[in-house]
All heavy atoms as atom14 arrays in JSON, in Angstrom:
{
  "sequence": "VTASMSISLNKDKKLWGLIACHHYSPKYVSYEVRTACEFLGQV",
  "atom14_mask": [
    [1, 1, 1, 1, 1, 1, 1, 0, 0, 0, 0, 0, 0, 0],
    [1, 1, 1, 1, 1, 1, 1, 0, 0, 0, 0, 0, 0, 0],
    [1, 1, 1, 1, 1, 0, 0, 0, 0, 0, 0, 0, 0, 0],
    [1, 1, 1, 1, 1, 1, 0, 0, 0, 0, 0, 0, 0, 0],
    [1, 1, 1, 1, 1, 1, 1, 1, 0, 0, 0, 0, 0, 0],
    [1, 1, 1, 1, 1, 1, 0, 0, 0, 0, 0, 0, 0, 0],
    [1, 1, 1, 1, 1, 1, 1, 1, 0, 0, 0, 0, 0, 0],
    [1, 1, 1, 1, 1, 1, 0, 0, 0, 0, 0, 0, 0, 0],
    [1, 1, 1, 1, 1, 1, 1, 1, 0, 0, 0, 0, 0, 0],
    [1, 1, 1, 1, 1, 1, 1, 1, 0, 0, 0, 0, 0, 0],
    [1, 1, 1, 1, 1, 1, 1, 1, 1, 0, 0, 0, 0, 0],
    [1, 1, 1, 1, 1, 1, 1, 1, 0, 0, 0, 0, 0, 0],
    [1, 1, 1, 1, 1, 1, 1, 1, 1, 0, 0, 0, 0, 0],
    [1, 1, 1, 1, 1, 1, 1, 1, 1, 0, 0, 0, 0, 0],
    [1, 1, 1, 1, 1, 1, 1, 1, 0, 0, 0, 0, 0, 0],
    [1, 1, 1, 1, 1, 1, 1, 1, 1, 1, 1, 1, 1, 1],
    [1, 1, 1, 1, 0, 0, 0, 0, 0, 0, 0, 0, 0, 0],
    [1, 1, 1, 1, 1, 1, 1, 1, 0, 0, 0, 0, 0, 0],
    [1, 1, 1, 1, 1, 1, 1, 1, 0, 0, 0, 0, 0, 0],
    [1, 1, 1, 1, 1, 0, 0, 0, 0, 0, 0, 0, 0, 0],
    [1, 1, 1, 1, 1, 1, 0, 0, 0, 0, 0, 0, 0, 0],
    [1, 1, 1, 1, 1, 1, 1, 1, 1, 1, 0, 0, 0, 0],
    [1, 1, 1, 1, 1, 1, 1, 1, 1, 1, 0, 0, 0, 0],
    [1, 1, 1, 1, 1, 1, 1, 1, 1, 1, 1, 1, 0, 0],
    [1, 1, 1, 1, 1, 1, 0, 0, 0, 0, 0, 0, 0, 0],
    [1, 1, 1, 1, 1, 1, 1, 0, 0, 0, 0, 0, 0, 0],
    [1, 1, 1, 1, 1, 1, 1, 1, 1, 0, 0, 0, 0, 0],
    [1, 1, 1, 1, 1, 1, 1, 1, 1, 1, 1, 1, 0, 0],
    [1, 1, 1, 1, 1, 1, 1, 0, 0, 0, 0, 0, 0, 0],
    [1, 1, 1, 1, 1, 1, 0, 0, 0, 0, 0, 0, 0, 0],
    [1, 1, 1, 1, 1, 1, 1, 1, 1, 1, 1, 1, 0, 0],
    [1, 1, 1, 1, 1, 1, 1, 1, 1, 0, 0, 0, 0, 0],
    [1, 1, 1, 1, 1, 1, 1, 0, 0, 0, 0, 0, 0, 0],
    [1, 1, 1, 1, 1, 1, 1, 1, 1, 1, 1, 0, 0, 0],
    [1, 1, 1, 1, 1, 1, 1, 0, 0, 0, 0, 0, 0, 0],
    [1, 1, 1, 1, 1, 0, 0, 0, 0, 0, 0, 0, 0, 0],
    [1, 1, 1, 1, 1, 1, 0, 0, 0, 0, 0, 0, 0, 0],
    [1, 1, 1, 1, 1, 1, 1, 1, 1, 0, 0, 0, 0, 0],
    [1, 1, 1, 1, 1, 1, 1, 1, 1, 1, 1, 0, 0, 0],
    [1, 1, 1, 1, 1, 1, 1, 1, 0, 0, 0, 0, 0, 0],
    [1, 1, 1, 1, 0, 0, 0, 0, 0, 0, 0, 0, 0, 0],
    [1, 1, 1, 1, 1, 1, 1, 1, 1, 0, 0, 0, 0, 0],
    [1, 1, 1, 1, 1, 1, 1, 0, 0, 0, 0, 0, 0, 0]
  ],
  "atom14_positions": [
    [[-78.44, -207.96, 176.86], [-77.71, -208.91, 177.68], [-77.36, -208.26, 179.02], [-76.9, -207.11, 179.07], [-76.42, -209.38, 176.96], [-75.56, -210.24, 177.86], [-76.78, -210.12, 175.69], [0.0, 0.0, 0.0], [0.0, 0.0, 0.0], [0.0, 0.0, 0.0], [0.0, 0.0, 0.0], [0.0, 0.0, 0.0], [0.0, 0.0, 0.0], [0.0, 0.0, 0.0]],
    [[-77.53, -209.0, 180.12], [-77.21, -208.49, 181.45], [-75.9, -209.06, 182.01], [-75.17, -208.37, 182.71], [-78.35, -208.8, 182.45], [-79.58, -208.3, 181.94], [-78.07, -208.21, 183.82], [0.0, 0.0, 0.0], [0.0, 0.0, 0.0], [0.0, 0.0, 0.0], [0.0, 0.0, 0.0], [0.0, 0.0, 0.0], [0.0, 0.0, 0.0], [0.0, 0.0, 0.0]],
    [[-75.62, -210.31, 181.7], [-74.37, -210.96, 182.16], [-73.74, -211.69, 180.98], [-74.44, -212.18, 180.09], [-74.66, -211.92, 183.3], [0.0, 0.0, 0.0], [0.0, 0.0, 0.0], [0.0, 0.0, 0.0], [0.0, 0.0, 0.0], [0.0, 0.0, 0.0], [0.0, 0.0, 0.0], [0.0, 0.0, 0.0], [0.0, 0.0, 0.0], [0.0, 0.0, 0.0]],
    [[-72.42, -211.74, 180.97], [-71.72, -212.44, 179.88], [-70.45, -213.09, 180.38], [-69.9, -212.69, 181.42], [-71.43, -211.47, 178.74], [-70.33, -210.63, 179.08], [0.0, 0.0, 0.0], [0.0, 0.0, 0.0], [0.0, 0.0, 0.0], [0.0, 0.0, 0.0], [0.0, 0.0, 0.0], [0.0, 0.0, 0.0], [0.0, 0.0, 0.0], [0.0, 0.0, 0.0]],
    [[-70.01, -214.05, 179.65], [-68.7, -214.69, 179.91], [-68.13, -215.09, 178.57], [-68.85, -215.56, 177.67], [-68.86, -215.92, 180.8], [-67.52, -216.53, 181.23], [-67.72, -217.89, 182.42], [-68.21, -219.22, 181.32], [0.0, 0.0, 0.0], [0.0, 0.0, 0.0], [0.0, 0.0, 0.0], [0.0, 0.0, 0.0], [0.0, 0.0, 0.0], [0.0, 0.0, 0.0]],
    [[-66.84, -214.87, 178.4], [-66.18, -215.25, 177.13], [-64.92, -216.05, 177.44], [-64.21, -215.78, 178.41], [-65.83, -214.01, 176.32], [-65.02, -213.13, 177.06], [0.0, 0.0, 0.0], [0.0, 0.0, 0.0], [0.0, 0.0, 0.0], [0.0, 0.0, 0.0], [0.0, 0.0, 0.0], [0.0, 0.0, 0.0], [0.0, 0.0, 0.0], [0.0, 0.0, 0.0]],
    [[-64.69, -217.06, 176.63], [-63.53, -217.95, 176.77], [-62.75, -217.89, 175.48], [-63.31, -218.12, 174.39], [-63.96, -219.39, 177.08], [-64.86, -219.44, 178.31], [-62.74, -220.29, 177.26], [-65.66, -220.71, 178.43], [0.0, 0.0, 0.0], [0.0, 0.0, 0.0], [0.0, 0.0, 0.0], [0.0, 0.0, 0.0], [0.0, 0.0, 0.0], [0.0, 0.0, 0.0]],
    [[-61.47, -217.57, 175.54], [-60.66, -217.41, 174.35], [-60.31, -218.76, 173.73], [-60.0, -219.72, 174.45], [-59.36, -216.67, 174.67], [-59.65, -215.42, 175.25], [0.0, 0.0, 0.0], [0.0, 0.0, 0.0], [0.0, 0.0, 0.0], [0.0, 0.0, 0.0], [0.0, 0.0, 0.0], [0.0, 0.0, 0.0], [0.0, 0.0, 0.0], [0.0, 0.0, 0.0]],
    [[-60.36, -218.81, 172.4], [-59.92, -219.98, 171.65], [-58.75, -219.54, 170.78], [-58.88, -218.65, 169.93], [-61.06, -220.52, 170.77], [-62.31, -221.01, 171.53], [-63.43, -221.34, 170.57], [-61.98, -222.23, 172.39], [0.0, 0.0, 0.0], [0.0, 0.0, 0.0], [0.0, 0.0, 0.0], [0.0, 0.0, 0.0], [0.0, 0.0, 0.0], [0.0, 0.0, 0.0]],
    [[-57.59, -220.12, 171.02], [-56.38, -219.71, 170.32], [-55.84, -220.84, 169.45], [-55.89, -222.01, 169.83], [-55.29, -219.3, 171.32], [-55.76, -218.14, 172.2], [-56.15, -217.1, 171.69], [-55.7, -218.33, 173.51], [0.0, 0.0, 0.0], [0.0, 0.0, 0.0], [0.0, 0.0, 0.0], [0.0, 0.0, 0.0], [0.0, 0.0, 0.0], [0.0, 0.0, 0.0]],
    [[-55.33, -220.45, 168.28], [-54.71, -221.4, 167.38], [-53.4, -220.78, 166.87], [-53.4, -219.67, 166.38], [-55.63, -221.74, 166.21], [-55.04, -222.7, 165.2], [-56.08, -223.06, 164.14], [-55.49, -223.94, 163.06], [-54.71, -223.16, 162.09], [0.0, 0.0, 0.0], [0.0, 0.0, 0.0], [0.0, 0.0, 0.0], [0.0, 0.0, 0.0], [0.0, 0.0, 0.0]],
    [[-52.32, -221.54, 167.02], [-51.0, -221.04, 166.6], [-50.7, -219.69, 167.27], [-50.21, -218.75, 166.62], [-50.91, -220.91, 165.09], [-51.12, -222.24, 164.38], [-50.74, -223.25, 164.96], [-51.69, -222.23, 163.27], [0.0, 0.0, 0.0], [0.0, 0.0, 0.0], [0.0, 0.0, 0.0], [0.0, 0.0, 0.0], [0.0, 0.0, 0.0], [0.0, 0.0, 0.0]],
    [[-51.02, -219.59, 168.57], [-50.76, -218.39, 169.39], [-51.51, -217.15, 168.89], [-51.13, -216.03, 169.21], [-49.26, -218.11, 169.44], [-48.45, -219.23, 170.08], [-46.96, -218.88, 170.18], [-46.2, -220.01, 170.84], [-44.74, -219.72, 170.93], [0.0, 0.0, 0.0], [0.0, 0.0, 0.0], [0.0, 0.0, 0.0], [0.0, 0.0, 0.0], [0.0, 0.0, 0.0]],
    [[-52.57, -217.35, 168.11], [-53.4, -216.24, 167.66], [-54.83, -216.52, 168.04], [-55.26, -217.66, 168.12], [-53.28, -216.07, 166.14], [-51.9, -215.65, 165.67], [-51.86, -215.5, 164.16], [-50.45, -215.1, 163.69], [-50.39, -214.99, 162.21], [0.0, 0.0, 0.0], [0.0, 0.0, 0.0], [0.0, 0.0, 0.0], [0.0, 0.0, 0.0], [0.0, 0.0, 0.0]],
    [[-55.6, -215.41, 168.25], [-57.0, -215.55, 168.63], [-57.81, -216.07, 167.45], [-57.95, -215.38, 166.43], [-57.52, -214.21, 169.11], [-58.92, -214.19, 169.76], [-58.89, -215.01, 171.05], [-59.37, -212.77, 170.03], [0.0, 0.0, 0.0], [0.0, 0.0, 0.0], [0.0, 0.0, 0.0], [0.0, 0.0, 0.0], [0.0, 0.0, 0.0], [0.0, 0.0, 0.0]],
    [[-58.33, -217.28, 167.59], [-59.12, -217.92, 166.53], [-60.6, -217.59, 166.67], [-61.32, -217.45, 165.69], [-58.92, -219.44, 166.62], [-59.67, -220.25, 165.62], [-59.27, -220.63, 164.37], [-60.99, -220.83, 165.81], [-60.23, -221.4, 163.77], [-61.3, -221.55, 164.63], [-61.9, -220.82, 166.85], [-62.49, -222.23, 164.46], [-63.1, -221.51, 166.7], [-63.41, -222.2, 165.51]],
    [[-61.06, -217.49, 167.93], [-62.47, -217.21, 168.18], [-62.75, -217.14, 169.66], [-61.83, -217.11, 170.5], [0.0, 0.0, 0.0], [0.0, 0.0, 0.0], [0.0, 0.0, 0.0], [0.0, 0.0, 0.0], [0.0, 0.0, 0.0], [0.0, 0.0, 0.0], [0.0, 0.0, 0.0], [0.0, 0.0, 0.0], [0.0, 0.0, 0.0], [0.0, 0.0, 0.0]],
    [[-64.01, -217.14, 170.02], [-64.45, -217.05, 171.4], [-65.62, -218.02, 171.67], [-66.43, -218.25, 170.76], [-64.95, -215.63, 171.74], [-63.96, -214.46, 171.65], [-64.71, -213.16, 171.78], [-62.89, -214.59, 172.72], [0.0, 0.0, 0.0], [0.0, 0.0, 0.0], [0.0, 0.0, 0.0], [0.0, 0.0, 0.0], [0.0, 0.0, 0.0], [0.0, 0.0, 0.0]],
    [[-65.65, -218.56, 172.88], [-66.9, -219.15, 173.38], [-67.62, -218.02, 174.1], [-67.17, -217.56, 175.16], [-66.63, -220.32, 174.33], [-65.77, -221.4, 173.65], [-67.94, -220.92, 174.8], [-65.33, -222.52, 174.58], [0.0, 0.0, 0.0], [0.0, 0.0, 0.0], [0.0, 0.0, 0.0], [0.0, 0.0, 0.0], [0.0, 0.0, 0.0], [0.0, 0.0, 0.0]],
    [[-68.68, -217.51, 173.49], [-69.37, -216.35, 174.04], [-70.67, -216.79, 174.74], [-71.5, -217.46, 174.13], [-69.71, -215.35, 172.92], [0.0, 0.0, 0.0], [0.0, 0.0, 0.0], [0.0, 0.0, 0.0], [0.0, 0.0, 0.0], [0.0, 0.0, 0.0], [0.0, 0.0, 0.0], [0.0, 0.0, 0.0], [0.0, 0.0, 0.0], [0.0, 0.0, 0.0]],
    [[-70.81, -216.4, 176.02], [-71.98, -216.78, 176.82], [-72.77, -215.55, 177.2], [-72.19, -214.55, 177.66], [-71.51, -217.51, 178.11], [-70.37, -218.87, 177.84], [0.0, 0.0, 0.0], [0.0, 0.0, 0.0], [0.0, 0.0, 0.0], [0.0, 0.0, 0.0], [0.0, 0.0, 0.0], [0.0, 0.0, 0.0], [0.0, 0.0, 0.0], [0.0, 0.0, 0.0]],
    [[-74.07, -215.59, 177.0], [-74.94, -214.47, 177.32], [-76.04, -214.92, 178.29], [-76.55, -216.04, 178.22], [-75.62, -213.92, 176.05], [-74.69, -213.19, 175.15], [-75.03, -212.76, 173.89], [-73.4, -212.77, 175.33], [-74.03, -212.12, 173.34], [-73.01, -212.12, 174.19], [0.0, 0.0, 0.0], [0.0, 0.0, 0.0], [0.0, 0.0, 0.0], [0.0, 0.0, 0.0]],
    [[-76.39, -214.0, 179.21], [-77.5, -214.25, 180.13], [-78.32, -212.96, 180.22], [-77.76, -211.86, 180.13], [-76.99, -214.64, 181.51], [-77.91, -215.54, 182.27], [-78.16, -216.84, 181.87], [-78.67, -215.33, 183.39], [-79.03, -217.39, 182.72], [-79.35, -216.5, 183.64], [0.0, 0.0, 0.0], [0.0, 0.0, 0.0], [0.0, 0.0, 0.0], [0.0, 0.0, 0.0]],
    [[-79.6, -213.12, 180.37], [-80.48, -211.94, 180.31], [-80.94, -211.48, 181.69], [-81.89, -210.73, 181.84], [-81.67, -212.25, 179.38], [-81.15, -212.48, 177.98], [-80.77, -213.76, 177.54], [-80.97, -211.4, 177.1], [-80.26, -213.95, 176.27], [-80.46, -211.6, 175.83], [-80.1, -212.87, 175.41], [-79.57, -213.06, 174.15], [0.0, 0.0, 0.0], [0.0, 0.0, 0.0]],
    [[-80.22, -211.92, 182.72], [-80.38, -211.43, 184.08], [-79.01, -211.59, 184.74], [-78.13, -212.25, 184.2], [-81.45, -212.25, 184.83], [-81.08, -213.63, 184.89], [0.0, 0.0, 0.0], [0.0, 0.0, 0.0], [0.0, 0.0, 0.0], [0.0, 0.0, 0.0], [0.0, 0.0, 0.0], [0.0, 0.0, 0.0], [0.0, 0.0, 0.0], [0.0, 0.0, 0.0]],
    [[-78.77, -210.95, 185.88], [-77.44, -211.09, 186.52], [-77.09, -212.55, 186.77], [-77.94, -213.35, 187.15], [-77.61, -210.31, 187.83], [-78.69, -209.32, 187.56], [-79.66, -210.02, 186.63], [0.0, 0.0, 0.0], [0.0, 0.0, 0.0], [0.0, 0.0, 0.0], [0.0, 0.0, 0.0], [0.0, 0.0, 0.0], [0.0, 0.0, 0.0], [0.0, 0.0, 0.0]],
    [[-75.8, -212.88, 186.57], [-75.36, -214.28, 186.75], [-73.9, -214.3, 187.16], [-73.04, -213.84, 186.41], [-75.59, -215.11, 185.5], [-75.22, -216.57, 185.7], [-75.6, -217.41, 184.5], [-75.4, -218.89, 184.77], [-76.18, -219.38, 185.91], [0.0, 0.0, 0.0], [0.0, 0.0, 0.0], [0.0, 0.0, 0.0], [0.0, 0.0, 0.0], [0.0, 0.0, 0.0]],
    [[-73.64, -214.84, 188.33], [-72.27, -215.03, 188.8], [-71.9, -216.5, 188.63], [-72.7, -217.4, 188.93], [-72.11, -214.62, 190.25], [-70.72, -214.85, 190.79], [-69.68, -213.98, 190.51], [-70.45, -215.97, 191.58], [-68.41, -214.2, 190.96], [-69.16, -216.2, 192.07], [-68.15, -215.32, 191.75], [-66.88, -215.54, 192.22], [0.0, 0.0, 0.0], [0.0, 0.0, 0.0]],
    [[-70.69, -216.75, 188.12], [-70.19, -218.12, 187.94], [-68.97, -218.27, 188.83], [-68.04, -217.48, 188.77], [-69.83, -218.4, 186.48], [-69.32, -219.84, 186.31], [-71.02, -218.15, 185.57], [0.0, 0.0, 0.0], [0.0, 0.0, 0.0], [0.0, 0.0, 0.0], [0.0, 0.0, 0.0], [0.0, 0.0, 0.0], [0.0, 0.0, 0.0], [0.0, 0.0, 0.0]],
    [[-68.98, -219.31, 189.66], [-67.89, -219.5, 190.63], [-66.56, -219.76, 189.91], [-66.52, -220.15, 188.73], [-68.2, -220.67, 191.54], [-68.12, -221.9, 190.82], [0.0, 0.0, 0.0], [0.0, 0.0, 0.0], [0.0, 0.0, 0.0], [0.0, 0.0, 0.0], [0.0, 0.0, 0.0], [0.0, 0.0, 0.0], [0.0, 0.0, 0.0], [0.0, 0.0, 0.0]],
    [[-65.49, -219.54, 190.65], [-64.17, -219.72, 190.08], [-63.95, -221.16, 189.65], [-63.32, -221.44, 188.62], [-63.1, -219.31, 191.09], [-61.73, -219.13, 190.46], [-61.37, -217.89, 189.9], [-60.83, -220.18, 190.41], [-60.13, -217.75, 189.31], [-59.58, -220.03, 189.82], [-59.24, -218.81, 189.27], [-58.02, -218.66, 188.67], [0.0, 0.0, 0.0], [0.0, 0.0, 0.0]],
    [[-64.49, -222.14, 190.41], [-64.33, -223.55, 190.05], [-64.96, -223.85, 188.69], [-64.37, -224.51, 187.83], [-64.94, -224.45, 191.12], [-64.15, -224.57, 192.39], [-64.44, -223.46, 193.36], [-65.25, -222.58, 193.04], [-63.85, -223.47, 194.45], [0.0, 0.0, 0.0], [0.0, 0.0, 0.0], [0.0, 0.0, 0.0], [0.0, 0.0, 0.0], [0.0, 0.0, 0.0]],
    [[-66.19, -223.35, 188.49], [-66.87, -223.59, 187.23], [-66.16, -222.87, 186.1], [-65.98, -223.43, 185.0], [-68.35, -223.18, 187.32], [-69.03, -223.32, 185.97], [-69.06, -224.01, 188.37], [0.0, 0.0, 0.0], [0.0, 0.0, 0.0], [0.0, 0.0, 0.0], [0.0, 0.0, 0.0], [0.0, 0.0, 0.0], [0.0, 0.0, 0.0], [0.0, 0.0, 0.0]],
    [[-65.73, -221.64, 186.36], [-65.0, -220.91, 185.31], [-63.71, -221.63, 184.94], [-63.33, -221.7, 183.77], [-64.67, -219.5, 185.83], [-65.84, -218.56, 185.69], [-65.91, -217.49, 186.77], [-64.63, -216.8, 186.99], [-64.39, -216.08, 188.08], [-65.31, -215.98, 189.03], [-63.25, -215.47, 188.23], [0.0, 0.0, 0.0], [0.0, 0.0, 0.0], [0.0, 0.0, 0.0]],
    [[-63.04, -222.19, 185.95], [-61.8, -222.93, 185.66], [-62.1, -224.14, 184.78], [-61.33, -224.44, 183.85], [-61.16, -223.41, 186.99], [-60.86, -222.26, 187.78], [-59.87, -224.18, 186.72], [0.0, 0.0, 0.0], [0.0, 0.0, 0.0], [0.0, 0.0, 0.0], [0.0, 0.0, 0.0], [0.0, 0.0, 0.0], [0.0, 0.0, 0.0], [0.0, 0.0, 0.0]],
    [[-63.23, -224.82, 185.07], [-63.61, -225.97, 184.25], [-63.87, -225.54, 182.8], [-63.44, -226.17, 181.84], [-64.83, -226.66, 184.82], [0.0, 0.0, 0.0], [0.0, 0.0, 0.0], [0.0, 0.0, 0.0], [0.0, 0.0, 0.0], [0.0, 0.0, 0.0], [0.0, 0.0, 0.0], [0.0, 0.0, 0.0], [0.0, 0.0, 0.0], [0.0, 0.0, 0.0]],
    [[-64.57, -224.39, 182.64], [-64.87, -223.88, 181.29], [-63.58, -223.44, 180.57], [-63.41, -223.68, 179.37], [-65.84, -222.7, 181.39], [-67.49, -223.17, 181.93], [0.0, 0.0, 0.0], [0.0, 0.0, 0.0], [0.0, 0.0, 0.0], [0.0, 0.0, 0.0], [0.0, 0.0, 0.0], [0.0, 0.0, 0.0], [0.0, 0.0, 0.0], [0.0, 0.0, 0.0]],
    [[-62.7, -222.78, 181.33], [-61.43, -222.35, 180.73], [-60.64, -223.55, 180.27], [-60.0, -223.54, 179.2], [-60.64, -221.53, 181.75], [-59.33, -221.0, 181.22], [-58.54, -220.24, 182.25], [-59.11, -219.89, 183.31], [-57.33, -220.01, 182.02], [0.0, 0.0, 0.0], [0.0, 0.0, 0.0], [0.0, 0.0, 0.0], [0.0, 0.0, 0.0], [0.0, 0.0, 0.0]],
    [[-60.67, -224.61, 181.07], [-59.93, -225.84, 180.71], [-60.5, -226.44, 179.43], [-59.76, -226.88, 178.55], [-60.02, -226.82, 181.86], [-59.24, -228.07, 181.64], [-57.85, -228.05, 181.52], [-59.88, -229.3, 181.53], [-57.14, -229.2, 181.31], [-59.15, -230.46, 181.3], [-57.77, -230.42, 181.21], [0.0, 0.0, 0.0], [0.0, 0.0, 0.0], [0.0, 0.0, 0.0]],
    [[-61.83, -226.43, 179.31], [-62.45, -226.93, 178.09], [-62.01, -226.08, 176.89], [-61.77, -226.6, 175.8], [-63.97, -226.9, 178.2], [-64.62, -227.97, 179.07], [-66.14, -227.82, 179.08], [-64.23, -229.37, 178.6], [0.0, 0.0, 0.0], [0.0, 0.0, 0.0], [0.0, 0.0, 0.0], [0.0, 0.0, 0.0], [0.0, 0.0, 0.0], [0.0, 0.0, 0.0]],
    [[-61.92, -224.75, 177.1], [-61.47, -223.88, 176.02], [-60.05, -224.2, 175.6], [-59.71, -224.17, 174.39], [0.0, 0.0, 0.0], [0.0, 0.0, 0.0], [0.0, 0.0, 0.0], [0.0, 0.0, 0.0], [0.0, 0.0, 0.0], [0.0, 0.0, 0.0], [0.0, 0.0, 0.0], [0.0, 0.0, 0.0], [0.0, 0.0, 0.0], [0.0, 0.0, 0.0]],
    [[-59.19, -224.51, 176.55], [-57.8, -224.86, 176.22], [-57.76, -226.18, 175.45], [-56.98, -226.32, 174.51], [-56.97, -224.96, 177.51], [-56.64, -223.62, 178.15], [-55.8, -223.77, 179.37], [-56.29, -223.95, 180.47], [-54.5, -223.72, 179.18], [0.0, 0.0, 0.0], [0.0, 0.0, 0.0], [0.0, 0.0, 0.0], [0.0, 0.0, 0.0], [0.0, 0.0, 0.0]],
    [[-58.58, -227.14, 175.89], [-58.61, -228.43, 175.17], [-59.09, -228.22, 173.73], [-58.51, -228.77, 172.79], [-59.55, -229.43, 175.91], [-59.72, -230.68, 175.06], [-58.96, -229.78, 177.27], [0.0, 0.0, 0.0], [0.0, 0.0, 0.0], [0.0, 0.0, 0.0], [0.0, 0.0, 0.0], [0.0, 0.0, 0.0], [0.0, 0.0, 0.0], [0.0, 0.0, 0.0]]
  ]
}
């Protein structure tokens, strides 16, 4: 893996799991897109 992104999934204030993203070449994700993904993780 060359690039990765992880989004925390919490239940009852404890870490339940992760949304784990892998890419096999360099990859930058803008703050706006990351915010959208983080929001989905919170939902």
